[in-house]
Amino acid sequence: MTVLHARQRAALEQAAGWFGLLQCEEASVADQAGWQAWLDRDEYNRWAWAQVEQLQQRLHGMPTNVTGRALHLADQPALDSRRAVLKGFALMVGTGALGYAGYRQGQRAGWMADHHTRTGERLNTMLADGSRLQLNTASAVDVLYSATQRRIQLHRGELLLTSAADPARRPLLVQTAQGSIQALGTRFAVRADGASTLVSVFQHQVRVTPNGAAPVVLDAGTQCRFNANQLGAVQPINAGQDAWSEGMLVANDQRLDAFLAELSRYRPGWLRCDPAVAGLRISGAFAIDDSDQTLRALSTTLPVRVVQTTRYWVTVVAL
């Protein structure tokens, strides 16, 4: 395993910045002189620039499913070059790991993604085309826009997307391990749950295409879970299902064990429901940014008590 120290990481980031600048058609003679002065200033800078050169050489010898992501800068705006090169560095020299295996591990974990959230964190951002992207807890996506399509790769977690009209009429797709979801002028959520994907449509329609099955169009007010080979039954969405985007968790006569399973997504550690109280029903709207307060509220509305062994080990049991 190759572990980079702080000076190496800083030099790599600077090298990526210079690469992005020099790739621009507007790069000036002064820019080239500035790069040369930076290169001559420090041995770590020369080492980092050597990684840029090696990156360009080695990518041509790697599998296309690896190089495709790193070389995607060919049809990206010049300002994206720095990000692409940094991801290429992660592929080649790693940030704490070396080579292709480290790159794949980083992508699965999400720490190399364009946008990501930690447990209990949410993100609300506007994409380049005007679409609004919201990420739920512990989620990670890459945004891959080109001249022919707009694609969002959901590596883990859940997103809520409000699509914007595109003057170039490029299709807007969300890709998961199981298939793709195409926006048809819509607002919808996609949740990656291990071997399956859940799609919930709040406005207009989406087209769901599993990797190994025919596409199906979902209408507003419906949802469907699918795996790589088939779609499950189309069902109505639950009231308040998108309330997480406003910081709320809504329960409508929900089993306690199911509610706690959802709440556990927003807090680190282990949140367990004793089978003796799993079937109790709960309704209400709860703030997900303060899960401790939500747990205290349970003990005042249900015949349960919260046993907190540590901050990270909590069990809800009968009184």
Protein backbone atom coordinates (compact mmCIF):
# COMPACT_ATOMS: atom_id res chain seq x y z
CA MET A 1 0.00 0.00 0.00
CA THR A 2 1.27 3.45 -0.91
CA VAL A 3 0.38 6.21 1.55
CA LEU A 4 0.94 9.79 0.42
CA HIS A 5 2.08 12.40 2.91
CA ALA A 6 0.78 15.96 2.99
CA ARG A 7 3.42 17.51 0.73
CA GLN A 8 2.87 14.88 -1.96
CA ARG A 9 -0.91 15.34 -1.85
CA ALA A 10 -0.54 19.13 -2.08
CA ALA A 11 1.84 18.82 -5.04
CA LEU A 12 -0.55 16.48 -6.85
CA GLU A 13 -3.41 18.94 -6.42
CA GLN A 14 -1.24 21.77 -7.76
CA ALA A 15 -0.12 19.62 -10.70
CA ALA A 16 -3.73 18.88 -11.55
CA GLY A 17 -4.48 22.60 -11.44
CA TRP A 18 -1.62 23.41 -13.79
CA PHE A 19 -2.67 20.62 -16.13
CA GLY A 20 -6.20 21.97 -16.31
CA LEU A 21 -4.94 25.48 -16.97
CA LEU A 22 -2.48 24.46 -19.68
CA GLN A 23 -5.18 22.42 -21.44
CA CYS A 24 -7.22 25.60 -21.98
CA GLU A 25 -6.93 27.20 -25.40
CA GLU A 26 -6.63 30.54 -23.61
CA ALA A 27 -3.47 29.49 -21.76
CA SER A 28 -0.92 32.28 -22.18
CA VAL A 29 2.85 32.49 -22.34
CA ALA A 30 2.72 33.88 -18.81
CA ASP A 31 0.79 30.80 -17.71
CA GLN A 32 3.46 28.55 -19.22
CA ALA A 33 6.16 30.55 -17.48
CA GLY A 34 4.29 30.28 -14.20
CA TRP A 35 4.06 26.51 -14.63
CA GLN A 36 7.79 26.30 -15.34
CA ALA A 37 8.59 28.36 -12.24
CA TRP A 38 6.34 26.10 -10.15
CA LEU A 39 8.00 23.02 -11.62
CA ASP A 40 11.50 24.29 -10.83
CA ARG A 41 10.63 25.40 -7.31
CA ASP A 42 10.41 22.06 -5.52
CA GLU A 43 11.31 18.41 -5.98
CA TYR A 44 7.80 17.40 -4.95
CA ASN A 45 6.41 19.53 -7.77
CA ARG A 46 8.64 17.73 -10.28
CA TRP A 47 7.57 14.39 -8.81
CA ALA A 48 3.88 15.35 -9.09
CA TRP A 49 4.24 16.50 -12.69
CA ALA A 50 5.90 13.19 -13.51
CA GLN A 51 2.72 11.52 -12.27
CA VAL A 52 0.73 13.62 -14.77
CA GLU A 53 2.93 12.38 -17.59
CA GLN A 54 2.79 8.78 -16.38
CA LEU A 55 -0.97 9.01 -16.01
CA GLN A 56 -1.41 9.92 -19.67
CA GLN A 57 0.84 7.05 -20.75
CA ARG A 58 -0.53 4.34 -18.46
CA LEU A 59 -4.22 4.98 -19.00
CA HIS A 60 -3.89 3.78 -22.57
CA GLY A 61 -2.90 0.35 -21.29
CA MET A 62 -5.79 -0.09 -18.84
CA PRO A 63 -9.23 -1.64 -19.40
CA THR A 64 -11.67 0.69 -21.11
CA ASN A 65 -14.14 0.58 -18.22
CA VAL A 66 -11.40 2.12 -16.06
CA THR A 67 -9.98 4.64 -18.51
CA GLY A 68 -13.38 5.78 -19.72
CA ARG A 69 -14.06 7.70 -16.51
CA ALA A 70 -10.61 9.26 -16.26
CA LEU A 71 -10.40 10.15 -19.95
CA HIS A 72 -13.92 11.56 -19.97
CA LEU A 73 -12.32 14.99 -19.85
CA ALA A 74 -12.04 14.80 -23.64
CA ASP A 75 -15.63 16.03 -23.98
CA GLN A 76 -15.81 17.96 -20.70
CA PRO A 77 -15.27 21.71 -20.24
CA ALA A 78 -11.66 22.62 -19.57
CA LEU A 79 -12.42 23.62 -15.98
CA ASP A 80 -13.27 19.97 -15.24
CA SER A 81 -9.78 18.81 -16.21
CA ARG A 82 -8.36 19.32 -12.72
CA ARG A 83 -11.01 17.05 -11.15
CA ALA A 84 -10.51 14.40 -13.81
CA VAL A 85 -6.75 14.38 -13.34
CA LEU A 86 -7.09 14.12 -9.56
CA LYS A 87 -9.30 11.06 -10.05
CA GLY A 88 -6.72 9.71 -12.45
CA PHE A 89 -4.07 10.16 -9.76
CA ALA A 90 -6.25 8.16 -7.39
CA LEU A 91 -6.37 5.46 -10.02
CA MET A 92 -2.61 5.43 -10.53
CA VAL A 93 -1.00 6.22 -7.18
CA GLY A 94 -3.93 6.13 -4.78
CA THR A 95 -4.82 8.21 -1.78
CA GLY A 96 -3.87 5.60 0.77
CA ALA A 97 -4.02 2.77 -1.81
CA LEU A 98 -2.25 1.94 -5.07
CA GLY A 99 -3.62 1.10 -8.49
CA TYR A 100 -6.85 -0.15 -9.97
CA ALA A 101 -8.10 -1.96 -6.85
CA GLY A 102 -7.71 1.18 -4.78
CA TYR A 103 -9.55 3.21 -7.40
CA ARG A 104 -12.50 0.78 -7.44
CA GLN A 105 -12.63 0.66 -3.65
CA GLY A 106 -12.68 4.45 -3.53
CA GLN A 107 -15.53 4.65 -6.03
CA ARG A 108 -17.63 2.13 -4.12
CA ALA A 109 -17.06 3.97 -0.86
CA GLY A 110 -17.95 7.26 -2.53
CA TRP A 111 -15.03 9.37 -1.33
CA MET A 112 -13.91 9.98 -4.93
CA ALA A 113 -17.39 10.95 -6.16
CA ASP A 114 -18.22 14.40 -7.49
CA HIS A 115 -20.82 14.88 -4.73
CA HIS A 116 -21.15 12.84 -1.54
CA THR A 117 -22.61 13.00 1.95
CA ARG A 118 -21.67 11.41 5.24
CA THR A 119 -24.06 9.61 7.57
CA GLY A 120 -26.64 12.13 8.78
CA GLU A 121 -25.64 14.73 6.19
CA ARG A 122 -27.68 16.02 3.22
CA LEU A 123 -26.70 18.04 0.17
CA ASN A 124 -28.70 20.42 -2.03
CA THR A 125 -27.01 21.65 -5.21
CA MET A 126 -27.81 23.04 -8.65
CA LEU A 127 -26.25 21.26 -11.61
CA ALA A 128 -24.83 22.95 -14.70
CA ASP A 129 -28.05 22.47 -16.69
CA GLY A 130 -30.26 23.96 -13.96
CA SER A 131 -31.43 20.63 -12.59
CA ARG A 132 -31.68 20.47 -8.80
CA LEU A 133 -29.88 17.57 -7.15
CA GLN A 134 -30.44 16.64 -3.50
CA LEU A 135 -28.51 13.86 -1.79
CA ASN A 136 -29.75 12.02 1.25
CA THR A 137 -27.60 10.59 4.03
CA ALA A 138 -24.50 8.52 3.13
CA SER A 139 -24.86 9.00 -0.62
CA ALA A 140 -22.44 9.50 -3.51
CA VAL A 141 -22.86 10.44 -7.17
CA ASP A 142 -20.77 11.34 -10.19
CA VAL A 143 -22.18 13.89 -12.64
CA LEU A 144 -21.16 13.02 -16.20
CA TYR A 145 -22.41 15.60 -18.69
CA SER A 146 -21.30 15.52 -22.33
CA ALA A 147 -22.44 16.97 -25.64
CA THR A 148 -24.88 14.08 -26.15
CA GLN A 149 -26.27 13.20 -22.74
CA ARG A 150 -26.62 14.15 -19.07
CA ARG A 151 -25.86 11.20 -16.79
CA ILE A 152 -25.73 10.94 -13.00
CA GLN A 153 -24.08 7.82 -11.60
CA LEU A 154 -25.51 6.90 -8.19
CA HIS A 155 -22.86 4.85 -6.39
CA ARG A 156 -24.71 4.54 -3.09
CA GLY A 157 -27.50 6.09 -1.06
CA GLU A 158 -30.40 8.17 -2.34
CA LEU A 159 -30.97 11.21 -4.52
CA LEU A 160 -33.89 13.47 -5.36
CA LEU A 161 -33.70 15.07 -8.78
CA THR A 162 -35.80 17.89 -10.21
CA SER A 163 -34.94 17.98 -13.89
CA ALA A 164 -34.53 21.13 -15.97
CA ALA A 165 -35.33 21.53 -19.65
CA ASP A 166 -32.23 21.24 -21.81
CA PRO A 167 -31.92 23.41 -24.95
CA ALA A 168 -29.75 20.71 -26.55
CA ARG A 169 -32.42 18.07 -25.77
CA ARG A 170 -29.88 15.76 -24.16
CA PRO A 171 -31.50 12.89 -22.24
CA LEU A 172 -31.13 13.07 -18.45
CA LEU A 173 -30.32 9.67 -16.92
CA VAL A 174 -29.66 8.35 -13.44
CA GLN A 175 -27.54 5.19 -13.55
CA THR A 176 -27.29 2.56 -10.82
CA ALA A 177 -25.72 -0.88 -10.76
CA GLN A 178 -29.08 -2.40 -11.76
CA GLY A 179 -30.05 -0.14 -14.66
CA SER A 180 -31.00 3.39 -15.67
CA ILE A 181 -33.81 5.86 -15.03
CA GLN A 182 -34.56 8.54 -17.62
CA ALA A 183 -36.28 11.74 -16.57
CA LEU A 184 -39.29 12.73 -18.67
CA GLY A 185 -39.65 16.28 -17.37
CA THR A 186 -39.96 15.23 -13.77
CA ARG A 187 -39.15 15.20 -10.07
CA PHE A 188 -38.18 11.78 -8.77
CA ALA A 189 -36.10 9.92 -6.20
CA VAL A 190 -33.70 7.03 -6.71
CA ARG A 191 -32.45 4.90 -3.84
CA ALA A 192 -29.72 2.28 -4.23
CA ASP A 193 -30.34 -0.60 -1.82
CA GLY A 194 -27.63 -3.17 -2.40
CA ALA A 195 -28.86 -5.53 -5.13
CA SER A 196 -31.92 -3.43 -6.02
CA THR A 197 -32.95 0.13 -6.85
CA LEU A 198 -36.11 1.93 -5.72
CA VAL A 199 -37.55 4.65 -7.99
CA SER A 200 -40.29 7.01 -6.71
CA VAL A 201 -41.94 9.53 -9.04
CA PHE A 202 -43.40 12.75 -7.59
CA GLN A 203 -44.07 14.67 -10.80
CA HIS A 204 -44.60 13.68 -14.45
CA GLN A 205 -42.93 10.43 -15.57
CA VAL A 206 -39.68 8.46 -15.73
CA ARG A 207 -38.57 5.56 -17.91
CA VAL A 208 -36.98 2.71 -15.95
CA THR A 209 -34.71 0.30 -17.84
CA PRO A 210 -33.13 -2.60 -15.94
CA ASN A 211 -29.88 -3.88 -17.40
CA GLY A 212 -31.54 -7.09 -18.60
CA ALA A 213 -35.20 -6.21 -19.10
CA ALA A 214 -37.49 -4.04 -21.21
CA PRO A 215 -38.14 -0.43 -20.12
CA VAL A 216 -41.26 0.61 -18.21
CA VAL A 217 -42.69 4.12 -17.79
CA LEU A 218 -43.68 5.12 -14.24
CA ASP A 219 -46.27 7.84 -13.66
CA ALA A 220 -46.39 10.45 -10.93
CA GLY A 221 -47.50 9.06 -7.57
CA THR A 222 -46.02 5.61 -8.17
CA GLN A 223 -42.85 3.76 -7.29
CA CYS A 224 -41.14 0.56 -8.29
CA ARG A 225 -38.21 -1.53 -7.12
CA PHE A 226 -36.08 -3.32 -9.69
CA ASN A 227 -32.95 -5.42 -9.96
CA ALA A 228 -30.72 -6.02 -12.96
CA ASN A 229 -33.14 -8.47 -14.58
CA GLN A 230 -36.69 -7.48 -13.68
CA LEU A 231 -39.03 -4.88 -12.24
CA GLY A 232 -41.18 -5.45 -9.20
CA ALA A 233 -44.79 -4.42 -8.81
CA VAL A 234 -45.70 -0.77 -9.33
CA GLN A 235 -47.09 0.68 -6.09
CA PRO A 236 -48.28 4.08 -4.85
CA ILE A 237 -45.71 6.25 -3.10
CA ASN A 238 -46.12 6.92 0.61
CA ALA A 239 -47.22 10.32 1.87
CA GLY A 240 -44.18 12.33 2.94
CA GLN A 241 -41.76 9.96 1.25
CA ASP A 242 -39.64 12.87 0.03
CA ALA A 243 -39.79 14.74 3.35
CA TRP A 244 -36.14 13.90 4.03
CA SER A 245 -35.25 16.65 1.54
CA GLU A 246 -36.73 19.11 4.07
CA GLY A 247 -35.06 17.44 7.04
CA MET A 248 -38.08 15.42 8.17
CA LEU A 249 -38.86 11.74 8.55
CA VAL A 250 -42.59 11.05 8.18
CA ALA A 251 -44.32 7.95 9.56
CA ASN A 252 -47.91 7.06 8.66
CA ASP A 253 -49.07 4.23 10.90
CA GLN A 254 -45.66 2.62 10.37
CA ARG A 255 -44.31 -0.38 12.25
CA LEU A 256 -41.77 0.67 14.85
CA ASP A 257 -39.04 -1.63 13.54
CA ALA A 258 -39.43 -0.20 10.03
CA PHE A 259 -39.36 3.35 11.38
CA LEU A 260 -36.21 2.71 13.41
CA ALA A 261 -34.56 1.11 10.38
CA GLU A 262 -35.13 4.36 8.49
CA LEU A 263 -33.97 6.49 11.41
CA SER A 264 -30.78 4.45 11.69
CA ARG A 265 -29.72 5.68 8.26
CA TYR A 266 -29.21 9.14 9.75
CA ARG A 267 -27.07 8.28 12.76
CA PRO A 268 -23.78 6.41 13.13
CA GLY A 269 -23.62 3.19 15.09
CA TRP A 270 -26.24 0.55 15.83
CA LEU A 271 -29.92 1.27 16.44
CA ARG A 272 -31.82 -1.89 17.33
CA CYS A 273 -35.51 -2.61 17.90
CA ASP A 274 -36.45 -5.34 20.38
CA PRO A 275 -38.76 -7.86 18.64
CA ALA A 276 -41.19 -7.49 21.55
CA VAL A 277 -42.07 -3.94 20.41
CA ALA A 278 -41.35 -4.23 16.68
CA GLY A 279 -45.05 -4.36 15.76
CA LEU A 280 -46.07 -1.16 17.55
CA ARG A 281 -47.37 1.52 15.17
CA ILE A 282 -46.16 5.08 14.95
CA SER A 283 -47.31 8.21 13.11
CA GLY A 284 -45.86 11.70 12.99
CA ALA A 285 -43.15 13.91 11.51
CA PHE A 286 -39.71 13.86 13.10
CA ALA A 287 -36.57 15.96 12.57
CA ILE A 288 -33.84 13.72 11.21
CA ASP A 289 -31.07 16.14 12.19
CA ASP A 290 -31.70 15.32 15.86
CA SER A 291 -32.27 11.60 16.07
CA ASP A 292 -31.70 11.63 19.84
CA GLN A 293 -34.71 13.91 20.25
CA THR A 294 -36.74 11.57 18.05
CA LEU A 295 -35.80 8.64 20.25
CA ARG A 296 -36.83 10.58 23.34
CA ALA A 297 -40.18 11.34 21.70
CA LEU A 298 -40.78 7.62 21.20
CA SER A 299 -40.59 6.97 24.93
CA THR A 300 -43.31 9.57 25.57
CA THR A 301 -45.75 8.31 22.94
CA LEU A 302 -45.23 4.54 23.02
CA PRO A 303 -44.82 1.96 25.80
CA VAL A 304 -41.09 1.72 25.18
CA ARG A 305 -37.83 2.90 26.69
CA VAL A 306 -34.56 3.72 25.01
CA VAL A 307 -31.51 1.88 26.34
CA GLN A 308 -28.37 3.72 25.31
CA THR A 309 -25.30 1.62 26.11
CA THR A 310 -23.10 4.12 24.27
CA ARG A 311 -23.74 6.95 21.81
CA TYR A 312 -23.36 4.38 19.06
CA TRP A 313 -25.25 1.44 20.58
CA VAL A 314 -28.95 2.06 21.23
CA THR A 315 -31.82 -0.39 21.72
CA VAL A 316 -35.55 0.37 21.95
CA VAL A 317 -37.19 -2.11 24.35
CA ALA A 318 -40.54 -2.59 26.10
CA LEU A 319 -41.28 -0.76 29.35
